[in-house]
């Protein structure tokens, strides 16, 4: 099962200190018990929301660090895409996986798969037994659709994100955090359904 999906910054943003990442969107799947430790079970709804937000921010920072290391090692700066060339940006995207040890930030060990497209990171946090190649394909598909509907507001990392559209994508491509095995016909049908919704 996928525990959460994140969209966050992976490049420096003027309002943030070095090493920080701005969380633009997060969706946690499954019951809170998968995110909370025994000592946090008695928290109220607002405290649980804040704790979930803190845990997803920890993942975003760890992924940002991994992206920075990957980009430094490759010697390639992020490619700035022109609107309409999202497919090219996705092909050039850096990708990787980060092992999240038990207790840092989740009670159990998890795997975080990431794609870094321009200044944005798209991350899926999966349970360790999950099918990672399937998760990577799902992440690429989600990222492609998100990029088609993100609006970059200038050369910096200002982004206009419609969270209702991302939620709709997740409900169709990653229902309740479950990865879907898709045959070609079902994938085409799902693509048409997503395209029809996004055209609204």
C-alpha atoms as a PDB file:
ATOM      1  CA  UNK A   1       0.000   0.000   0.000  1.00  0.00           C
ATOM      2  CA  UNK A   2       1.072   3.567  -0.650  1.00  0.00           C
ATOM      3  CA  UNK A   3       1.123   5.582   2.584  1.00  0.00           C
ATOM      4  CA  UNK A   4       1.298   9.064   1.066  1.00  0.00           C
ATOM      5  CA  UNK A   5       1.802  11.140  -2.069  1.00  0.00           C
ATOM      6  CA  UNK A   6       3.647  14.454  -1.888  1.00  0.00           C
ATOM      7  CA  UNK A   7       4.383  17.371  -4.180  1.00  0.00           C
ATOM      8  CA  UNK A   8       7.120  19.606  -2.808  1.00  0.00           C
ATOM      9  CA  UNK A   9      10.001  21.848  -3.806  1.00  0.00           C
ATOM     10  CA  UNK A  10      13.449  20.367  -4.398  1.00  0.00           C
ATOM     11  CA  UNK A  11      15.333  23.559  -5.323  1.00  0.00           C
ATOM     12  CA  UNK A  12      16.062  26.565  -3.139  1.00  0.00           C
ATOM     13  CA  UNK A  13      13.159  28.936  -2.650  1.00  0.00           C
ATOM     14  CA  UNK A  14      13.989  32.478  -1.522  1.00  0.00           C
ATOM     15  CA  UNK A  15      11.594  32.371   1.438  1.00  0.00           C
ATOM     16  CA  UNK A  16      13.121  29.152   2.837  1.00  0.00           C
ATOM     17  CA  UNK A  17      16.432  28.479   4.532  1.00  0.00           C
ATOM     18  CA  UNK A  18      18.952  26.179   2.835  1.00  0.00           C
ATOM     19  CA  UNK A  19      17.929  22.550   3.016  1.00  0.00           C
ATOM     20  CA  UNK A  20      14.244  23.308   3.559  1.00  0.00           C
ATOM     21  CA  UNK A  21      11.495  22.120   1.256  1.00  0.00           C
ATOM     22  CA  UNK A  22       8.062  23.655   0.815  1.00  0.00           C
ATOM     23  CA  UNK A  23       5.277  21.090   0.887  1.00  0.00           C
ATOM     24  CA  UNK A  24       2.774  22.043  -1.824  1.00  0.00           C
ATOM     25  CA  UNK A  25       0.428  19.063  -1.606  1.00  0.00           C
ATOM     26  CA  UNK A  26       0.172  15.963   0.553  1.00  0.00           C
ATOM     27  CA  UNK A  27      -2.296  13.118   0.732  1.00  0.00           C
ATOM     28  CA  UNK A  28      -2.005  10.410   3.394  1.00  0.00           C
ATOM     29  CA  UNK A  29      -3.727   7.096   2.701  1.00  0.00           C
ATOM     30  CA  UNK A  30      -5.006   4.581   5.189  1.00  0.00           C
ATOM     31  CA  UNK A  31      -5.739   4.924   8.875  1.00  0.00           C
ATOM     32  CA  UNK A  32      -3.727   7.215  11.125  1.00  0.00           C
ATOM     33  CA  UNK A  33      -2.343   4.140  12.880  1.00  0.00           C
ATOM     34  CA  UNK A  34       0.077   3.706   9.969  1.00  0.00           C
ATOM     35  CA  UNK A  35       1.522   7.152  10.693  1.00  0.00           C
ATOM     36  CA  UNK A  36       1.169   7.494  14.468  1.00  0.00           C
ATOM     37  CA  UNK A  37       3.150   5.754  17.172  1.00  0.00           C
ATOM     38  CA  UNK A  38       1.579   4.365  20.346  1.00  0.00           C
ATOM     39  CA  UNK A  39       2.311   7.574  22.296  1.00  0.00           C
ATOM     40  CA  UNK A  40       0.412   9.695  19.738  1.00  0.00           C
ATOM     41  CA  UNK A  41      -2.824   7.659  19.598  1.00  0.00           C
ATOM     42  CA  UNK A  42      -4.603   9.826  22.182  1.00  0.00           C
ATOM     43  CA  UNK A  43      -4.175  13.064  20.222  1.00  0.00           C
ATOM     44  CA  UNK A  44      -7.154  15.059  19.012  1.00  0.00           C
ATOM     45  CA  UNK A  45      -7.942  15.612  15.308  1.00  0.00           C
ATOM     46  CA  UNK A  46      -6.042  18.918  15.031  1.00  0.00           C
ATOM     47  CA  UNK A  47      -2.941  17.528  16.758  1.00  0.00           C
ATOM     48  CA  UNK A  48      -3.049  14.465  14.450  1.00  0.00           C
ATOM     49  CA  UNK A  49      -3.237  16.722  11.392  1.00  0.00           C
ATOM     50  CA  UNK A  50      -0.240  18.739  12.581  1.00  0.00           C
ATOM     51  CA  UNK A  51       1.728  15.547  13.316  1.00  0.00           C
ATOM     52  CA  UNK A  52       0.919  14.134   9.843  1.00  0.00           C
ATOM     53  CA  UNK A  53       2.064  17.420   8.305  1.00  0.00           C
ATOM     54  CA  UNK A  54       5.346  17.280  10.266  1.00  0.00           C
ATOM     55  CA  UNK A  55       5.998  13.690   9.182  1.00  0.00           C
ATOM     56  CA  UNK A  56       5.365  14.466   5.514  1.00  0.00           C
ATOM     57  CA  UNK A  57       7.655  17.519   5.801  1.00  0.00           C
ATOM     58  CA  UNK A  58      10.426  15.223   7.105  1.00  0.00           C
ATOM     59  CA  UNK A  59       9.990  13.012   4.024  1.00  0.00           C
ATOM     60  CA  UNK A  60      10.083  16.070   1.742  1.00  0.00           C
ATOM     61  CA  UNK A  61      13.365  17.224   3.335  1.00  0.00           C
ATOM     62  CA  UNK A  62      14.939  13.767   2.984  1.00  0.00           C
ATOM     63  CA  UNK A  63      13.890  13.572  -0.675  1.00  0.00           C
ATOM     64  CA  UNK A  64      15.166  17.110  -1.313  1.00  0.00           C
ATOM     65  CA  UNK A  65      18.536  16.052   0.093  1.00  0.00           C
ATOM     66  CA  UNK A  66      18.591  12.937  -2.123  1.00  0.00           C
ATOM     67  CA  UNK A  67      17.683  15.021  -5.189  1.00  0.00           C
ATOM     68  CA  UNK A  68      20.466  17.523  -4.440  1.00  0.00           C
ATOM     69  CA  UNK A  69      23.014  14.712  -4.094  1.00  0.00           C
ATOM     70  CA  UNK A  70      21.797  13.066  -7.288  1.00  0.00           C
ATOM     71  CA  UNK A  71      21.986  16.321  -9.251  1.00  0.00           C
ATOM     72  CA  UNK A  72      25.459  17.108  -7.908  1.00  0.00           C
ATOM     73  CA  UNK A  73      26.683  13.616  -8.784  1.00  0.00           C
ATOM     74  CA  UNK A  74      25.283  13.788 -12.315  1.00  0.00           C
ATOM     75  CA  UNK A  75      26.598  17.308 -12.906  1.00  0.00           C
ATOM     76  CA  UNK A  76      23.375  18.256 -14.701  1.00  0.00           C
ATOM     77  CA  UNK A  77      21.281  21.201 -13.534  1.00  0.00           C
ATOM     78  CA  UNK A  78      17.501  20.823 -13.652  1.00  0.00           C
ATOM     79  CA  UNK A  79      16.025  21.339 -17.107  1.00  0.00           C
ATOM     80  CA  UNK A  80      13.624  24.273 -17.333  1.00  0.00           C
ATOM     81  CA  UNK A  81      10.652  23.181 -19.413  1.00  0.00           C
ATOM     82  CA  UNK A  82       8.573  25.366 -21.646  1.00  0.00           C
ATOM     83  CA  UNK A  83       4.785  25.094 -21.204  1.00  0.00           C
ATOM     84  CA  UNK A  84       3.574  22.306 -23.459  1.00  0.00           C
ATOM     85  CA  UNK A  85       6.839  20.362 -23.150  1.00  0.00           C
ATOM     86  CA  UNK A  86       5.974  18.525 -19.951  1.00  0.00           C
ATOM     87  CA  UNK A  87       6.670  15.140 -21.577  1.00  0.00           C
ATOM     88  CA  UNK A  88      10.254  16.208 -22.310  1.00  0.00           C
ATOM     89  CA  UNK A  89      10.709  17.467 -18.739  1.00  0.00           C
ATOM     90  CA  UNK A  90       9.418  14.146 -17.415  1.00  0.00           C
ATOM     91  CA  UNK A  91      11.863  12.176 -19.609  1.00  0.00           C
ATOM     92  CA  UNK A  92      14.741  14.287 -18.265  1.00  0.00           C
ATOM     93  CA  UNK A  93      13.526  13.997 -14.662  1.00  0.00           C
ATOM     94  CA  UNK A  94      15.826  12.580 -12.053  1.00  0.00           C
ATOM     95  CA  UNK A  95      14.455   9.706 -10.049  1.00  0.00           C
ATOM     96  CA  UNK A  96      15.407   7.563  -7.117  1.00  0.00           C
ATOM     97  CA  UNK A  97      14.365   5.907  -3.909  1.00  0.00           C
ATOM     98  CA  UNK A  98      15.057   6.678  -0.274  1.00  0.00           C
ATOM     99  CA  UNK A  99      14.757   4.119   2.500  1.00  0.00           C
ATOM    100  CA  UNK A 100      12.945   5.591   5.494  1.00  0.00           C
ATOM    101  CA  UNK A 101      14.063   3.727   8.593  1.00  0.00           C
ATOM    102  CA  UNK A 102      11.551   2.742  11.259  1.00  0.00           C
ATOM    103  CA  UNK A 103      10.877   5.719  13.489  1.00  0.00           C
ATOM    104  CA  UNK A 104      12.180   8.254  10.932  1.00  0.00           C
ATOM    105  CA  UNK A 105       9.445   9.535  10.453  1.00  0.00           C
ATOM    106  CA  UNK A 106       7.012   6.568  10.373  1.00  0.00           C
ATOM    107  CA  UNK A 107       6.747   3.812  13.017  1.00  0.00           C
ATOM    108  CA  UNK A 108       7.612   1.180  10.370  1.00  0.00           C
ATOM    109  CA  UNK A 109      10.252   1.126   7.641  1.00  0.00           C
ATOM    110  CA  UNK A 110       9.041   2.637   4.352  1.00  0.00           C
ATOM    111  CA  UNK A 111      10.375   3.355   0.868  1.00  0.00           C
ATOM    112  CA  UNK A 112      10.053   6.793  -0.726  1.00  0.00           C
ATOM    113  CA  UNK A 113      10.164   6.855  -4.531  1.00  0.00           C
ATOM    114  CA  UNK A 114      10.746  10.279  -6.057  1.00  0.00           C
ATOM    115  CA  UNK A 115      10.816  12.096  -9.371  1.00  0.00           C
ATOM    116  CA  UNK A 116      12.436  15.536  -9.552  1.00  0.00           C
ATOM    117  CA  UNK A 117      11.037  17.610 -12.405  1.00  0.00           C
ATOM    118  CA  UNK A 118      12.500  21.106 -12.586  1.00  0.00           C
ATOM    119  CA  UNK A 119      12.073  22.575  -9.101  1.00  0.00           C
ATOM    120  CA  UNK A 120       9.370  20.120  -8.012  1.00  0.00           C
ATOM    121  CA  UNK A 121       9.572  16.743  -6.334  1.00  0.00           C
ATOM    122  CA  UNK A 122       6.825  14.137  -6.652  1.00  0.00           C
ATOM    123  CA  UNK A 123       7.076  11.429  -3.994  1.00  0.00           C
ATOM    124  CA  UNK A 124       5.250   8.198  -3.182  1.00  0.00           C
ATOM    125  CA  UNK A 125       5.873   6.652   0.225  1.00  0.00           C
ATOM    126  CA  UNK A 126       5.262   2.901   0.055  1.00  0.00           C
ATOM    127  CA  UNK A 127       5.329   0.019   2.475  1.00  0.00           C
ATOM    128  CA  UNK A 128       8.538  -2.022   2.121  1.00  0.00           C
ATOM    129  CA  UNK A 129       6.866  -5.071   0.553  1.00  0.00           C
ATOM    130  CA  UNK A 130       5.188  -2.996  -2.187  1.00  0.00           C
ATOM    131  CA  UNK A 131       5.910  -3.623  -5.874  1.00  0.00           C
ATOM    132  CA  UNK A 132       8.391  -0.781  -6.501  1.00  0.00           C
ATOM    133  CA  UNK A 133       8.468  -0.998 -10.338  1.00  0.00           C
ATOM    134  CA  UNK A 134       4.663  -0.718 -10.343  1.00  0.00           C
ATOM    135  CA  UNK A 135       4.886   2.164  -7.865  1.00  0.00           C
ATOM    136  CA  UNK A 136       7.420   3.937 -10.103  1.00  0.00           C
ATOM    137  CA  UNK A 137       5.141   3.562 -13.137  1.00  0.00           C
ATOM    138  CA  UNK A 138       2.227   4.944 -11.131  1.00  0.00           C
ATOM    139  CA  UNK A 139       4.369   7.847  -9.902  1.00  0.00           C
ATOM    140  CA  UNK A 140       5.422   8.694 -13.483  1.00  0.00           C
ATOM    141  CA  UNK A 141       1.794   8.573 -14.616  1.00  0.00           C
ATOM    142  CA  UNK A 142       0.635  10.795 -11.731  1.00  0.00           C
ATOM    143  CA  UNK A 143       3.505  13.200 -12.342  1.00  0.00           C
ATOM    144  CA  UNK A 144       2.734  13.451 -16.049  1.00  0.00           C
ATOM    145  CA  UNK A 145      -0.901  14.348 -15.337  1.00  0.00           C
ATOM    146  CA  UNK A 146       0.057  16.798 -12.575  1.00  0.00           C
ATOM    147  CA  UNK A 147       2.564  18.557 -14.845  1.00  0.00           C
ATOM    148  CA  UNK A 148      -0.091  19.015 -17.505  1.00  0.00           C
ATOM    149  CA  UNK A 149      -2.218  20.930 -14.993  1.00  0.00           C
ATOM    150  CA  UNK A 150       0.396  22.833 -12.994  1.00  0.00           C
ATOM    151  CA  UNK A 151       0.920  26.446 -13.930  1.00  0.00           C
ATOM    152  CA  UNK A 152       4.447  27.781 -13.484  1.00  0.00           C
ATOM    153  CA  UNK A 153       4.307  31.457 -12.559  1.00  0.00           C
ATOM    154  CA  UNK A 154       7.623  32.727 -13.803  1.00  0.00           C
ATOM    155  CA  UNK A 155      11.238  31.605 -13.761  1.00  0.00           C
ATOM    156  CA  UNK A 156      11.320  30.903 -10.005  1.00  0.00           C
ATOM    157  CA  UNK A 157       9.571  28.054  -8.294  1.00  0.00           C
ATOM    158  CA  UNK A 158       6.188  29.742  -7.969  1.00  0.00           C
ATOM    159  CA  UNK A 159       3.540  27.201  -8.895  1.00  0.00           C
ATOM    160  CA  UNK A 160      -0.229  27.345  -9.142  1.00  0.00           C
ATOM    161  CA  UNK A 161      -1.551  23.963  -8.046  1.00  0.00           C
ATOM    162  CA  UNK A 162      -5.196  22.930  -8.177  1.00  0.00           C
ATOM    163  CA  UNK A 163      -5.479  20.489  -5.298  1.00  0.00           C
ATOM    164  CA  UNK A 164      -8.984  19.381  -6.314  1.00  0.00           C
ATOM    165  CA  UNK A 165      -7.551  18.104  -9.605  1.00  0.00           C
ATOM    166  CA  UNK A 166      -4.700  16.304  -7.873  1.00  0.00           C
ATOM    167  CA  UNK A 167      -7.230  14.695  -5.512  1.00  0.00           C
ATOM    168  CA  UNK A 168      -9.301  13.571  -8.510  1.00  0.00           C
ATOM    169  CA  UNK A 169      -6.197  12.093 -10.145  1.00  0.00           C
ATOM    170  CA  UNK A 170      -5.318  10.211  -6.979  1.00  0.00           C
ATOM    171  CA  UNK A 171      -8.837   8.835  -6.586  1.00  0.00           C
ATOM    172  CA  UNK A 172      -8.654   7.379 -10.109  1.00  0.00           C
ATOM    173  CA  UNK A 173      -5.001   6.349 -10.440  1.00  0.00           C
ATOM    174  CA  UNK A 174      -4.254   5.437  -6.815  1.00  0.00           C
ATOM    175  CA  UNK A 175      -7.596   4.643  -5.145  1.00  0.00           C
ATOM    176  CA  UNK A 176      -7.243   4.501  -1.347  1.00  0.00           C
ATOM    177  CA  UNK A 177      -3.477   4.151  -1.779  1.00  0.00           C
ATOM    178  CA  UNK A 178      -3.720   0.896  -3.721  1.00  0.00           C
ATOM    179  CA  UNK A 179      -1.457   0.437  -6.734  1.00  0.00           C
ATOM    180  CA  UNK A 180      -3.357  -0.763  -9.803  1.00  0.00           C
ATOM    181  CA  UNK A 181      -2.155  -3.345 -12.297  1.00  0.00           C
ATOM    182  CA  UNK A 182      -3.422  -1.961 -15.593  1.00  0.00           C
ATOM    183  CA  UNK A 183      -3.763  -3.763 -18.904  1.00  0.00           C
ATOM    184  CA  UNK A 184      -3.563  -1.637 -22.047  1.00  0.00           C
ATOM    185  CA  UNK A 185      -7.323  -1.378 -22.569  1.00  0.00           C
ATOM    186  CA  UNK A 186      -8.073  -0.438 -18.971  1.00  0.00           C
ATOM    187  CA  UNK A 187      -5.210   2.095 -18.994  1.00  0.00           C
ATOM    188  CA  UNK A 188      -6.677   3.766 -22.100  1.00  0.00           C
ATOM    189  CA  UNK A 189     -10.132   3.860 -20.510  1.00  0.00           C
ATOM    190  CA  UNK A 190      -8.673   5.396 -17.354  1.00  0.00           C
ATOM    191  CA  UNK A 191      -6.734   7.959 -19.414  1.00  0.00           C
ATOM    192  CA  UNK A 192      -9.962   9.029 -21.176  1.00  0.00           C
ATOM    193  CA  UNK A 193     -11.774   9.320 -17.853  1.00  0.00           C
ATOM    194  CA  UNK A 194      -8.982  11.435 -16.359  1.00  0.00           C
ATOM    195  CA  UNK A 195      -8.753  13.629 -19.474  1.00  0.00           C
ATOM    196  CA  UNK A 196     -12.525  14.208 -19.426  1.00  0.00           C
ATOM    197  CA  UNK A 197     -12.431  15.233 -15.767  1.00  0.00           C
ATOM    198  CA  UNK A 198      -9.422  17.505 -16.219  1.00  0.00           C
ATOM    199  CA  UNK A 199     -11.063  19.252 -19.186  1.00  0.00           C
ATOM    200  CA  UNK A 200     -13.850  20.516 -16.893  1.00  0.00           C
END
